[in-house]
Amino acid sequence: MTPPPGLYSGSSTLALVARASAFGLGLIYGNVKLKALKVLLSLSLSLSLSLSLSLSLSLESFSVK
């Protein structure tokens, strides 16, 4: 004889709600993390571009003519 299902055994309502909640929170967390990474990447690229531009401009001012 099998034991009755526990709270998180998979067949109870609480288990289904817990899995659905975890899935929803995972989607939200992943979406927020992706947006944050995109913002950091764009900031990093713009900072890198501005640094390289200012470096090239400063090197041009020191070039021998």
N, C-alpha and C. Protein backbone atom coordinates (compact mmCIF):
# COMPACT_ATOMS: atom_id res chain seq x y z
N MET A 1 0.84 -1.18 0.00
CA MET A 1 0.00 0.00 0.00
C MET A 1 0.89 1.25 0.00
N THR A 2 0.59 2.19 -0.87
CA THR A 2 1.39 3.42 -0.96
C THR A 2 0.94 4.43 0.07
N PRO A 3 1.89 5.22 0.58
CA PRO A 3 1.50 6.25 1.56
C PRO A 3 0.73 7.37 0.88
N PRO A 4 -0.08 8.09 1.64
CA PRO A 4 -0.82 9.21 1.04
C PRO A 4 0.15 10.30 0.59
N PRO A 5 -0.22 11.06 -0.43
CA PRO A 5 0.68 12.09 -0.93
C PRO A 5 0.95 13.17 0.11
N GLY A 6 2.20 13.64 0.15
CA GLY A 6 2.57 14.70 1.08
C GLY A 6 2.21 16.06 0.51
N LEU A 7 2.63 17.10 1.23
CA LEU A 7 2.27 18.45 0.81
C LEU A 7 2.87 18.83 -0.54
N TYR A 8 4.14 18.43 -0.78
CA TYR A 8 4.81 18.80 -2.02
C TYR A 8 5.04 17.59 -2.92
N SER A 9 4.23 16.61 -2.82
CA SER A 9 4.46 15.35 -3.52
C SER A 9 4.18 15.44 -5.01
N GLY A 10 3.49 16.43 -5.46
CA GLY A 10 3.22 16.54 -6.89
C GLY A 10 1.76 16.38 -7.23
N SER A 11 1.01 15.72 -6.37
CA SER A 11 -0.40 15.54 -6.69
C SER A 11 -1.30 16.44 -5.85
N SER A 12 -0.74 17.10 -4.84
CA SER A 12 -1.58 17.97 -4.03
C SER A 12 -1.68 19.36 -4.67
N THR A 13 -2.70 20.09 -4.27
CA THR A 13 -2.90 21.44 -4.79
C THR A 13 -1.76 22.35 -4.38
N LEU A 14 -1.26 22.19 -3.15
CA LEU A 14 -0.16 23.01 -2.67
C LEU A 14 1.10 22.81 -3.52
N ALA A 15 1.33 21.58 -3.93
CA ALA A 15 2.50 21.30 -4.77
C ALA A 15 2.36 21.99 -6.14
N LEU A 16 1.18 21.95 -6.69
CA LEU A 16 0.96 22.60 -7.98
C LEU A 16 1.13 24.11 -7.87
N VAL A 17 0.61 24.70 -6.80
CA VAL A 17 0.73 26.14 -6.58
C VAL A 17 2.19 26.51 -6.35
N ALA A 18 2.90 25.68 -5.59
CA ALA A 18 4.32 25.96 -5.31
C ALA A 18 5.13 25.92 -6.60
N ARG A 19 4.87 24.93 -7.45
CA ARG A 19 5.61 24.85 -8.73
C ARG A 19 5.26 26.01 -9.64
N ALA A 20 4.00 26.38 -9.71
CA ALA A 20 3.59 27.50 -10.56
C ALA A 20 4.20 28.80 -10.05
N SER A 21 4.24 28.97 -8.74
CA SER A 21 4.84 30.18 -8.17
C SER A 21 6.34 30.23 -8.45
N ALA A 22 7.01 29.11 -8.28
CA ALA A 22 8.45 29.07 -8.54
C ALA A 22 8.74 29.35 -10.01
N PHE A 23 7.92 28.81 -10.89
CA PHE A 23 8.10 29.05 -12.32
C PHE A 23 7.90 30.53 -12.64
N GLY A 24 6.84 31.12 -12.09
CA GLY A 24 6.56 32.54 -12.34
C GLY A 24 7.66 33.44 -11.80
N LEU A 25 8.13 33.14 -10.59
CA LEU A 25 9.23 33.93 -10.03
C LEU A 25 10.51 33.77 -10.84
N GLY A 26 10.74 32.57 -11.35
CA GLY A 26 11.90 32.34 -12.21
C GLY A 26 11.84 33.16 -13.49
N LEU A 27 10.66 33.25 -14.07
CA LEU A 27 10.50 34.07 -15.28
C LEU A 27 10.73 35.55 -14.98
N ILE A 28 10.20 36.01 -13.88
CA ILE A 28 10.38 37.42 -13.50
C ILE A 28 11.84 37.71 -13.22
N TYR A 29 12.50 36.83 -12.44
CA TYR A 29 13.90 37.01 -12.11
C TYR A 29 14.76 37.02 -13.39
N GLY A 30 14.49 36.09 -14.27
CA GLY A 30 15.26 36.02 -15.52
C GLY A 30 15.07 37.25 -16.38
N ASN A 31 13.86 37.75 -16.43
CA ASN A 31 13.57 38.93 -17.23
C ASN A 31 14.28 40.16 -16.67
N VAL A 32 14.23 40.33 -15.35
CA VAL A 32 14.89 41.46 -14.70
C VAL A 32 16.40 41.36 -14.89
N LYS A 33 16.94 40.17 -14.72
CA LYS A 33 18.38 39.97 -14.88
C LYS A 33 18.81 40.27 -16.31
N LEU A 34 18.05 39.84 -17.28
CA LEU A 34 18.38 40.10 -18.68
C LEU A 34 18.35 41.59 -18.99
N LYS A 35 17.36 42.30 -18.47
CA LYS A 35 17.29 43.74 -18.70
C LYS A 35 18.48 44.44 -18.05
N ALA A 36 18.85 44.01 -16.84
CA ALA A 36 19.99 44.62 -16.15
C ALA A 36 21.28 44.37 -16.93
N LEU A 37 21.45 43.17 -17.45
CA LEU A 37 22.65 42.87 -18.23
C LEU A 37 22.70 43.68 -19.52
N LYS A 38 21.54 43.89 -20.14
CA LYS A 38 21.51 44.70 -21.36
C LYS A 38 21.89 46.15 -21.05
N VAL A 39 21.41 46.68 -19.93
CA VAL A 39 21.75 48.05 -19.54
C VAL A 39 23.24 48.15 -19.25
N LEU A 40 23.78 47.19 -18.50
CA LEU A 40 25.21 47.21 -18.19
C LEU A 40 26.06 47.09 -19.45
N LEU A 41 25.63 46.25 -20.38
CA LEU A 41 26.37 46.09 -21.62
C LEU A 41 26.36 47.38 -22.43
N SER A 42 25.21 48.03 -22.51
CA SER A 42 25.15 49.27 -23.29
C SER A 42 25.97 50.37 -22.62
N LEU A 43 25.95 50.42 -21.28
CA LEU A 43 26.79 51.41 -20.58
C LEU A 43 28.26 51.12 -20.80
N SER A 44 28.62 49.86 -20.75
CA SER A 44 30.01 49.47 -20.94
C SER A 44 30.47 49.81 -22.35
N LEU A 45 29.63 49.54 -23.33
CA LEU A 45 30.00 49.84 -24.72
C LEU A 45 30.11 51.34 -24.96
N SER A 46 29.21 52.10 -24.40
CA SER A 46 29.26 53.55 -24.60
C SER A 46 30.46 54.14 -23.88
N LEU A 47 30.79 53.63 -22.70
CA LEU A 47 31.97 54.10 -21.98
C LEU A 47 33.24 53.73 -22.74
N SER A 48 33.29 52.53 -23.27
CA SER A 48 34.44 52.09 -24.04
C SER A 48 34.61 52.93 -25.30
N LEU A 49 33.51 53.23 -25.96
CA LEU A 49 33.56 54.03 -27.17
C LEU A 49 34.02 55.45 -26.86
N SER A 50 33.51 56.03 -25.79
CA SER A 50 33.90 57.40 -25.45
C SER A 50 35.36 57.46 -25.01
N LEU A 51 35.83 56.43 -24.31
CA LEU A 51 37.24 56.40 -23.91
C LEU A 51 38.16 56.25 -25.11
N SER A 52 37.79 55.40 -26.04
CA SER A 52 38.63 55.21 -27.22
C SER A 52 38.62 56.46 -28.10
N LEU A 53 37.48 57.13 -28.17
CA LEU A 53 37.41 58.36 -28.95
C LEU A 53 38.26 59.45 -28.32
N SER A 54 38.18 59.61 -27.00
CA SER A 54 38.98 60.64 -26.33
C SER A 54 40.46 60.29 -26.40
N LEU A 55 40.81 59.03 -26.33
CA LEU A 55 42.21 58.62 -26.44
C LEU A 55 42.74 58.90 -27.84
N SER A 56 41.95 58.60 -28.86
CA SER A 56 42.41 58.86 -30.22
C SER A 56 42.53 60.36 -30.48
N LEU A 57 41.64 61.15 -29.92
CA LEU A 57 41.73 62.60 -30.09
C LEU A 57 42.96 63.15 -29.38
N SER A 58 43.26 62.62 -28.20
CA SER A 58 44.44 63.11 -27.48
C SER A 58 45.71 62.66 -28.17
N LEU A 59 45.72 61.48 -28.77
CA LEU A 59 46.91 61.02 -29.48
C LEU A 59 47.13 61.84 -30.75
N GLU A 60 46.05 62.27 -31.40
CA GLU A 60 46.18 63.09 -32.59
C GLU A 60 46.78 64.47 -32.24
N SER A 61 46.49 64.97 -31.06
CA SER A 61 47.04 66.26 -30.69
C SER A 61 48.53 66.17 -30.40
N PHE A 62 49.04 64.97 -30.06
CA PHE A 62 50.45 64.81 -29.78
C PHE A 62 51.25 64.31 -31.00
N SER A 63 50.59 64.07 -32.10
CA SER A 63 51.28 63.52 -33.26
C SER A 63 52.20 64.58 -33.87
N VAL A 64 53.31 64.10 -34.39
CA VAL A 64 54.30 64.99 -35.00
C VAL A 64 53.91 65.27 -36.44
N LYS A 65 53.97 66.55 -36.82
CA LYS A 65 53.57 66.93 -38.18
C LYS A 65 54.76 67.28 -39.00
